Amino acid sequence: MKKKGFHKKRACKFCGSSSMKINYKDQKSLKYFITERGKIIPRRISGNCAKHQREMNTAIKRARILALLPFASSFSRF
């Protein structure tokens, strides 16, 4: 039989403190929500609520367009 693990639900950092804002110009805070390969970390791992995850995705994509964040890592296969 498989045992189901009990995981504590993560609280959204942005709902908890009103001082934290999501801004596409703030690279340091956005880097926490992308992997080293440049992928956006999903909500179940980051602990964001749905509203703030959508805002985070938009901010990351805007930062990529403006070349503040990379689309992908500089990893080369060959």
Protein backbone atom coordinates (compact mmCIF):
# COMPACT_ATOMS: atom_id res chain seq x y z
CA MET A 1 0.00 0.00 0.00
CA LYS A 2 1.11 3.49 -0.74
CA LYS A 3 1.19 5.96 2.10
CA LYS A 4 0.08 9.47 1.38
CA GLY A 5 2.51 11.99 2.72
CA PHE A 6 1.26 14.97 4.64
CA HIS A 7 2.66 18.23 3.36
CA LYS A 8 2.20 21.55 5.04
CA LYS A 9 0.61 24.04 2.65
CA ARG A 10 2.98 26.88 1.85
CA ALA A 11 1.74 30.37 2.48
CA CYS A 12 1.97 32.95 -0.27
CA LYS A 13 4.78 35.40 0.47
CA PHE A 14 2.97 38.24 -1.25
CA CYS A 15 -0.32 37.75 0.60
CA GLY A 16 1.51 37.59 3.92
CA SER A 17 3.41 40.85 3.68
CA SER A 18 2.02 43.92 2.00
CA SER A 19 5.50 45.42 1.61
CA MET A 20 6.53 42.83 -1.02
CA LYS A 21 5.51 43.81 -4.54
CA ILE A 22 5.93 42.01 -7.84
CA ASN A 23 7.86 44.18 -10.27
CA TYR A 24 9.45 43.11 -13.55
CA LYS A 25 12.38 45.50 -12.93
CA ASP A 26 13.38 43.73 -9.69
CA GLN A 27 15.65 40.95 -10.99
CA LYS A 28 16.74 39.71 -7.57
CA SER A 29 13.24 38.79 -6.45
CA LEU A 30 12.31 37.29 -9.83
CA LYS A 31 15.38 35.02 -9.92
CA TYR A 32 13.99 33.17 -6.90
CA PHE A 33 11.03 32.04 -9.02
CA ILE A 34 12.96 30.66 -12.01
CA THR A 35 15.22 27.63 -12.25
CA GLU A 36 18.85 27.73 -13.30
CA ARG A 37 17.68 26.65 -16.77
CA GLY A 38 15.35 29.66 -16.95
CA LYS A 39 12.02 27.88 -16.43
CA ILE A 40 9.31 29.40 -14.24
CA ILE A 41 8.82 27.47 -11.00
CA PRO A 42 5.26 26.14 -10.67
CA ARG A 43 2.82 27.31 -8.05
CA ARG A 44 2.80 24.09 -6.03
CA ILE A 45 6.56 24.41 -5.48
CA SER A 46 6.89 28.18 -5.08
CA GLY A 47 3.92 28.42 -2.71
CA ASN A 48 2.31 31.41 -4.43
CA CYS A 49 -1.44 31.80 -4.59
CA ALA A 50 -3.06 31.74 -8.05
CA LYS A 51 -3.38 35.52 -8.28
CA HIS A 52 0.24 36.21 -7.42
CA GLN A 53 1.52 33.33 -9.58
CA ARG A 54 -0.18 34.91 -12.61
CA GLU A 55 1.38 38.27 -11.76
CA MET A 56 4.76 36.60 -11.30
CA ASN A 57 4.51 34.88 -14.71
CA THR A 58 3.68 38.18 -16.39
CA ALA A 59 6.55 39.96 -14.64
CA ILE A 60 9.05 37.24 -15.58
CA LYS A 61 7.93 37.29 -19.21
CA ARG A 62 8.21 41.09 -19.35
CA ALA A 63 11.69 40.93 -17.85
CA ARG A 64 12.68 38.35 -20.47
CA ILE A 65 11.45 40.57 -23.32
CA LEU A 66 13.50 43.48 -21.96
CA ALA A 67 16.55 41.18 -21.58
CA LEU A 68 16.65 41.56 -17.80
CA LEU A 69 16.28 37.79 -17.40
CA PRO A 70 17.40 35.04 -19.79
CA PHE A 71 14.93 32.96 -21.82
CA ALA A 72 17.21 29.97 -21.27
CA SER A 73 20.53 29.22 -19.67
CA SER A 74 23.82 29.44 -21.51
CA PHE A 75 24.02 25.65 -21.36
CA SER A 76 25.28 24.14 -24.60
CA ARG A 77 24.64 20.53 -25.57
CA PHE A 78 27.54 20.24 -28.00
